[in-house]
Amino acid sequence: MLKNIAVLVSGGGTNLQALIDAQNSGIIKSGKISLVISDREGAYALERAKNAGIDGVYIKKGEGFEENIIKALEDAKTDIIVLAGFLSILSESFVKKYDKRIINVHPSLIPSFCGDGFYGLRVHKAALEKGVKVSGATTHFVNEITDGGEIIMQKAVEVLDGDTPEILQKRIMEQAEWKILPLSVEKVCSEL
């Protein structure tokens, strides 16, 4: 039986698109994306979901935010939650409710350049400032510590002379994030 996957997003949804493409090409075969939740109204990721025939919903931050997310997840009979550029921090009680069922992708090789304050271009800027020769992406289970959960997969990406944070971000997305996130989702779905 296919596992129901919910993807939580905040922005354009490039990682969501990688998941949709992986589902369509058969990389993800033990689950199906049945719901996309955005914490930002008008996020392009919701348009991507609509174009793929996937239910999408905007849930406003503030009073009852997590309760509304939980209701949407339960209504969709969600088995696995994927954080794909979701910038809201989830509470410890939320994370514990879905123990080993929330997957995040982080744009570095954890434990480098991770934790509170490390997201988006900040990660790549810090990596370049440190002068690392290799960066990459990590998928991990989410726990109560930011980027602190058990690692599922990692993929290294070479840092090249002349890289800017934007160039490095794009290379890591294309060569690492978009590859290991679908593989990790399939792995977790197949093992549930």
C-alpha atoms as a PDB file:
ATOM      1  CA  MET A   1       0.000   0.000   0.000  1.00  0.00           C
ATOM      2  CA  LEU A   2       1.328   3.445  -0.952  1.00  0.00           C
ATOM      3  CA  LYS A   3       2.278   5.749   1.909  1.00  0.00           C
ATOM      4  CA  ASN A   4       0.729   9.215   1.900  1.00  0.00           C
ATOM      5  CA  ILE A   5       3.360  11.958   1.736  1.00  0.00           C
ATOM      6  CA  ALA A   6       2.741  15.553   2.826  1.00  0.00           C
ATOM      7  CA  VAL A   7       5.251  18.188   1.741  1.00  0.00           C
ATOM      8  CA  LEU A   8       5.585  21.381   3.800  1.00  0.00           C
ATOM      9  CA  VAL A   9       6.875  24.404   1.889  1.00  0.00           C
ATOM     10  CA  SER A  10       7.419  28.144   2.221  1.00  0.00           C
ATOM     11  CA  GLY A  11       8.591  29.287  -1.204  1.00  0.00           C
ATOM     12  CA  GLY A  12       9.041  28.383  -4.836  1.00  0.00           C
ATOM     13  CA  GLY A  13       8.974  24.648  -4.363  1.00  0.00           C
ATOM     14  CA  THR A  14      12.015  23.484  -6.341  1.00  0.00           C
ATOM     15  CA  ASN A  15      12.512  20.547  -3.949  1.00  0.00           C
ATOM     16  CA  LEU A  16       8.778  19.812  -4.211  1.00  0.00           C
ATOM     17  CA  GLN A  17       9.170  19.731  -8.005  1.00  0.00           C
ATOM     18  CA  ALA A  18      12.087  17.295  -7.649  1.00  0.00           C
ATOM     19  CA  LEU A  19       9.801  15.055  -5.558  1.00  0.00           C
ATOM     20  CA  ILE A  20       6.941  15.316  -8.076  1.00  0.00           C
ATOM     21  CA  ASP A  21       9.342  14.466 -10.931  1.00  0.00           C
ATOM     22  CA  ALA A  22      10.757  11.523  -8.947  1.00  0.00           C
ATOM     23  CA  GLN A  23       7.247  10.233  -8.292  1.00  0.00           C
ATOM     24  CA  ASN A  24       6.342  10.538 -11.985  1.00  0.00           C
ATOM     25  CA  SER A  25       9.552   8.763 -13.077  1.00  0.00           C
ATOM     26  CA  GLY A  26       9.132   5.889 -10.609  1.00  0.00           C
ATOM     27  CA  ILE A  27      11.967   6.774  -8.215  1.00  0.00           C
ATOM     28  CA  ILE A  28       9.353   7.242  -5.499  1.00  0.00           C
ATOM     29  CA  LYS A  29       7.208   4.119  -5.828  1.00  0.00           C
ATOM     30  CA  SER A  30       6.311   3.260  -2.212  1.00  0.00           C
ATOM     31  CA  GLY A  31       4.483   6.520  -1.564  1.00  0.00           C
ATOM     32  CA  LYS A  32       2.544   9.309  -3.231  1.00  0.00           C
ATOM     33  CA  ILE A  33       2.435  13.023  -2.543  1.00  0.00           C
ATOM     34  CA  SER A  34      -1.123  13.603  -1.398  1.00  0.00           C
ATOM     35  CA  LEU A  35      -0.845  17.036   0.221  1.00  0.00           C
ATOM     36  CA  VAL A  36       1.237  20.209   0.049  1.00  0.00           C
ATOM     37  CA  ILE A  37       1.024  22.695   2.931  1.00  0.00           C
ATOM     38  CA  SER A  38       2.462  26.212   2.706  1.00  0.00           C
ATOM     39  CA  ASP A  39       2.952  28.670   5.551  1.00  0.00           C
ATOM     40  CA  ARG A  40       3.093  31.500   3.002  1.00  0.00           C
ATOM     41  CA  GLU A  41       0.094  32.652   1.033  1.00  0.00           C
ATOM     42  CA  GLY A  42       0.777  32.722  -2.703  1.00  0.00           C
ATOM     43  CA  ALA A  43       3.903  30.527  -2.484  1.00  0.00           C
ATOM     44  CA  TYR A  44       4.674  29.242  -5.984  1.00  0.00           C
ATOM     45  CA  ALA A  45       4.975  25.732  -4.524  1.00  0.00           C
ATOM     46  CA  LEU A  46       1.152  25.717  -4.208  1.00  0.00           C
ATOM     47  CA  GLU A  47       0.936  26.398  -7.950  1.00  0.00           C
ATOM     48  CA  ARG A  48       3.318  23.485  -8.600  1.00  0.00           C
ATOM     49  CA  ALA A  49       1.073  21.245  -6.486  1.00  0.00           C
ATOM     50  CA  LYS A  50      -2.032  22.380  -8.375  1.00  0.00           C
ATOM     51  CA  ASN A  51      -0.326  21.773 -11.733  1.00  0.00           C
ATOM     52  CA  ALA A  52       0.491  18.214 -10.595  1.00  0.00           C
ATOM     53  CA  GLY A  53      -3.054  17.537  -9.374  1.00  0.00           C
ATOM     54  CA  ILE A  54      -1.991  17.493  -5.704  1.00  0.00           C
ATOM     55  CA  ASP A  55      -4.107  19.101  -2.990  1.00  0.00           C
ATOM     56  CA  GLY A  56      -2.464  22.242  -1.672  1.00  0.00           C
ATOM     57  CA  VAL A  57      -3.388  24.377   1.304  1.00  0.00           C
ATOM     58  CA  TYR A  58      -2.137  27.601   2.863  1.00  0.00           C
ATOM     59  CA  ILE A  59      -2.107  27.590   6.668  1.00  0.00           C
ATOM     60  CA  LYS A  60      -1.572  30.959   8.293  1.00  0.00           C
ATOM     61  CA  LYS A  61       1.041  31.303  11.041  1.00  0.00           C
ATOM     62  CA  GLY A  62      -0.184  32.371  14.439  1.00  0.00           C
ATOM     63  CA  GLU A  63      -2.830  31.056  16.795  1.00  0.00           C
ATOM     64  CA  GLY A  64      -3.589  27.386  16.121  1.00  0.00           C
ATOM     65  CA  PHE A  65      -0.936  27.061  13.396  1.00  0.00           C
ATOM     66  CA  GLU A  66       0.330  23.593  14.353  1.00  0.00           C
ATOM     67  CA  GLU A  67      -3.160  22.363  15.259  1.00  0.00           C
ATOM     68  CA  ASN A  68      -4.337  23.352  11.766  1.00  0.00           C
ATOM     69  CA  ILE A  69      -1.365  21.577  10.182  1.00  0.00           C
ATOM     70  CA  ILE A  70      -2.088  18.434  12.227  1.00  0.00           C
ATOM     71  CA  LYS A  71      -5.738  18.498  11.171  1.00  0.00           C
ATOM     72  CA  ALA A  72      -4.759  18.779   7.486  1.00  0.00           C
ATOM     73  CA  LEU A  73      -2.218  15.954   7.905  1.00  0.00           C
ATOM     74  CA  GLU A  74      -4.756  13.716   9.609  1.00  0.00           C
ATOM     75  CA  ASP A  75      -7.469  14.481   7.027  1.00  0.00           C
ATOM     76  CA  ALA A  76      -4.999  13.414   4.311  1.00  0.00           C
ATOM     77  CA  LYS A  77      -4.047  10.261   6.279  1.00  0.00           C
ATOM     78  CA  THR A  78      -0.393  11.349   6.133  1.00  0.00           C
ATOM     79  CA  ASP A  79       2.313   8.757   6.793  1.00  0.00           C
ATOM     80  CA  ILE A  80       5.442  10.805   6.001  1.00  0.00           C
ATOM     81  CA  ILE A  81       6.085  14.561   6.220  1.00  0.00           C
ATOM     82  CA  VAL A  82       8.789  16.169   4.072  1.00  0.00           C
ATOM     83  CA  LEU A  83      10.096  19.634   4.902  1.00  0.00           C
ATOM     84  CA  ALA A  84      11.114  21.107   1.561  1.00  0.00           C
ATOM     85  CA  GLY A  85      12.214  24.668   2.185  1.00  0.00           C
ATOM     86  CA  PHE A  86       9.762  25.022   5.072  1.00  0.00           C
ATOM     87  CA  LEU A  87      10.992  27.937   7.149  1.00  0.00           C
ATOM     88  CA  SER A  88       8.690  27.673  10.169  1.00  0.00           C
ATOM     89  CA  ILE A  89      10.152  25.968  13.224  1.00  0.00           C
ATOM     90  CA  LEU A  90       7.963  23.147  14.499  1.00  0.00           C
ATOM     91  CA  SER A  91       7.512  22.633  18.232  1.00  0.00           C
ATOM     92  CA  GLU A  92       9.033  19.761  20.169  1.00  0.00           C
ATOM     93  CA  SER A  93       5.575  18.264  20.772  1.00  0.00           C
ATOM     94  CA  PHE A  94       4.796  18.340  17.030  1.00  0.00           C
ATOM     95  CA  VAL A  95       8.108  16.688  16.159  1.00  0.00           C
ATOM     96  CA  LYS A  96       7.634  13.998  18.835  1.00  0.00           C
ATOM     97  CA  LYS A  97       4.115  13.261  17.529  1.00  0.00           C
ATOM     98  CA  TYR A  98       5.653  12.366  14.144  1.00  0.00           C
ATOM     99  CA  ASP A  99       8.883  10.760  15.394  1.00  0.00           C
ATOM    100  CA  LYS A 100      10.960   9.266  12.523  1.00  0.00           C
ATOM    101  CA  ARG A 101       8.261  10.404  10.101  1.00  0.00           C
ATOM    102  CA  ILE A 102       9.488  13.940   9.296  1.00  0.00           C
ATOM    103  CA  ILE A 103      12.291  14.275   6.726  1.00  0.00           C
ATOM    104  CA  ASN A 104      14.251  17.460   6.103  1.00  0.00           C
ATOM    105  CA  VAL A 105      16.856  18.301   3.487  1.00  0.00           C
ATOM    106  CA  HIS A 106      19.678  20.635   4.523  1.00  0.00           C
ATOM    107  CA  PRO A 107      22.101  22.246   2.044  1.00  0.00           C
ATOM    108  CA  SER A 108      25.356  21.202   3.715  1.00  0.00           C
ATOM    109  CA  LEU A 109      27.089  18.102   4.974  1.00  0.00           C
ATOM    110  CA  ILE A 110      25.838  17.984   8.558  1.00  0.00           C
ATOM    111  CA  PRO A 111      27.355  18.617  11.105  1.00  0.00           C
ATOM    112  CA  SER A 112      28.929  21.507   9.143  1.00  0.00           C
ATOM    113  CA  PHE A 113      27.011  24.759   8.671  1.00  0.00           C
ATOM    114  CA  CYS A 114      23.779  23.653  10.318  1.00  0.00           C
ATOM    115  CA  GLY A 115      21.605  24.480  13.298  1.00  0.00           C
ATOM    116  CA  ASP A 116      19.841  27.685  14.281  1.00  0.00           C
ATOM    117  CA  GLY A 117      20.242  30.467  11.730  1.00  0.00           C
ATOM    118  CA  PHE A 118      21.722  28.262   9.001  1.00  0.00           C
ATOM    119  CA  TYR A 119      19.307  28.182   6.083  1.00  0.00           C
ATOM    120  CA  GLY A 120      19.225  29.269   2.461  1.00  0.00           C
ATOM    121  CA  LEU A 121      22.142  31.348   1.204  1.00  0.00           C
ATOM    122  CA  ARG A 122      23.504  31.785   4.759  1.00  0.00           C
ATOM    123  CA  VAL A 123      24.715  28.156   4.636  1.00  0.00           C
ATOM    124  CA  HIS A 124      26.618  28.632   1.376  1.00  0.00           C
ATOM    125  CA  LYS A 125      28.027  32.021   2.424  1.00  0.00           C
ATOM    126  CA  ALA A 126      29.425  30.449   5.624  1.00  0.00           C
ATOM    127  CA  ALA A 127      30.894  27.511   3.679  1.00  0.00           C
ATOM    128  CA  LEU A 128      32.653  29.844   1.236  1.00  0.00           C
ATOM    129  CA  GLU A 129      33.922  32.107   4.033  1.00  0.00           C
ATOM    130  CA  LYS A 130      35.430  29.045   5.742  1.00  0.00           C
ATOM    131  CA  GLY A 131      37.094  28.021   2.471  1.00  0.00           C
ATOM    132  CA  VAL A 132      35.753  24.470   2.351  1.00  0.00           C
ATOM    133  CA  LYS A 133      36.570  22.466  -0.763  1.00  0.00           C
ATOM    134  CA  VAL A 134      33.553  20.165  -0.478  1.00  0.00           C
ATOM    135  CA  SER A 135      30.005  20.911   0.571  1.00  0.00           C
ATOM    136  CA  GLY A 136      26.783  19.100  -0.295  1.00  0.00           C
ATOM    137  CA  ALA A 137      23.411  18.162   1.113  1.00  0.00           C
ATOM    138  CA  THR A 138      22.054  15.998   3.910  1.00  0.00           C
ATOM    139  CA  THR A 139      18.654  14.430   4.463  1.00  0.00           C
ATOM    140  CA  HIS A 140      17.787  13.679   8.057  1.00  0.00           C
ATOM    141  CA  PHE A 141      14.921  12.916  10.369  1.00  0.00           C
ATOM    142  CA  VAL A 142      13.656  15.956  12.246  1.00  0.00           C
ATOM    143  CA  ASN A 143      13.882  16.032  16.023  1.00  0.00           C
ATOM    144  CA  GLU A 144      13.668  18.841  18.585  1.00  0.00           C
ATOM    145  CA  ILE A 145      17.210  20.060  17.752  1.00  0.00           C
ATOM    146  CA  THR A 146      17.533  22.132  14.569  1.00  0.00           C
ATOM    147  CA  ASP A 147      19.263  19.882  11.987  1.00  0.00           C
ATOM    148  CA  GLY A 148      20.019  17.469  14.829  1.00  0.00           C
ATOM    149  CA  GLY A 149      18.102  14.340  13.805  1.00  0.00           C
ATOM    150  CA  GLU A 150      19.478  11.052  12.530  1.00  0.00           C
ATOM    151  CA  ILE A 151      21.073  11.350   9.074  1.00  0.00           C
ATOM    152  CA  ILE A 152      19.395   9.407   6.260  1.00  0.00           C
ATOM    153  CA  MET A 153      21.649  10.281   3.287  1.00  0.00           C
ATOM    154  CA  GLN A 154      24.415  12.669   2.290  1.00  0.00           C
ATOM    155  CA  LYS A 155      25.914  13.655  -1.052  1.00  0.00           C
ATOM    156  CA  ALA A 156      29.077  15.696  -1.493  1.00  0.00           C
ATOM    157  CA  VAL A 157      29.481  18.466  -4.071  1.00  0.00           C
ATOM    158  CA  GLU A 158      32.776  20.075  -5.006  1.00  0.00           C
ATOM    159  CA  VAL A 159      33.241  23.771  -4.239  1.00  0.00           C
ATOM    160  CA  LEU A 160      34.862  25.509  -7.217  1.00  0.00           C
ATOM    161  CA  ASP A 161      37.042  28.605  -7.511  1.00  0.00           C
ATOM    162  CA  GLY A 162      34.880  31.632  -8.187  1.00  0.00           C
ATOM    163  CA  ASP A 163      31.772  30.185  -6.561  1.00  0.00           C
ATOM    164  CA  THR A 164      29.333  32.696  -5.106  1.00  0.00           C
ATOM    165  CA  PRO A 165      26.724  31.629  -2.547  1.00  0.00           C
ATOM    166  CA  GLU A 166      24.112  31.654  -5.342  1.00  0.00           C
ATOM    167  CA  ILE A 167      26.192  29.522  -7.737  1.00  0.00           C
ATOM    168  CA  LEU A 168      27.046  27.030  -4.989  1.00  0.00           C
ATOM    169  CA  GLN A 169      23.414  26.878  -3.863  1.00  0.00           C
ATOM    170  CA  LYS A 170      22.262  26.027  -7.397  1.00  0.00           C
ATOM    171  CA  ARG A 171      24.937  23.331  -7.862  1.00  0.00           C
ATOM    172  CA  ILE A 172      24.120  21.712  -4.505  1.00  0.00           C
ATOM    173  CA  MET A 173      20.402  21.717  -5.314  1.00  0.00           C
ATOM    174  CA  GLU A 174      20.913  20.169  -8.747  1.00  0.00           C
ATOM    175  CA  GLN A 175      23.658  17.667  -7.863  1.00  0.00           C
ATOM    176  CA  ALA A 176      22.695  16.710  -4.309  1.00  0.00           C
ATOM    177  CA  GLU A 177      19.362  17.893  -2.877  1.00  0.00           C
ATOM    178  CA  TRP A 178      17.219  16.920  -5.875  1.00  0.00           C
ATOM    179  CA  LYS A 179      18.881  13.489  -5.948  1.00  0.00           C
ATOM    180  CA  ILE A 180      18.989  12.411  -2.291  1.00  0.00           C
ATOM    181  CA  LEU A 181      15.658  13.886  -1.172  1.00  0.00           C
ATOM    182  CA  PRO A 182      13.545  11.635  -3.461  1.00  0.00           C
ATOM    183  CA  LEU A 183      15.767   8.626  -2.659  1.00  0.00           C
ATOM    184  CA  SER A 184      15.393   9.290   1.061  1.00  0.00           C
ATOM    185  CA  VAL A 185      11.618   9.635   0.772  1.00  0.00           C
ATOM    186  CA  GLU A 186      11.433   6.331  -1.096  1.00  0.00           C
ATOM    187  CA  LYS A 187      13.687   4.653   1.477  1.00  0.00           C
ATOM    188  CA  VAL A 188      11.584   5.830   4.435  1.00  0.00           C
ATOM    189  CA  CYS A 189       8.272   4.998   2.702  1.00  0.00           C
ATOM    190  CA  SER A 190       9.486   1.511   1.804  1.00  0.00           C
ATOM    191  CA  GLU A 191      10.583   0.824   5.377  1.00  0.00           C
ATOM    192  CA  LEU A 192       7.376   2.002   7.100  1.00  0.00           C
END
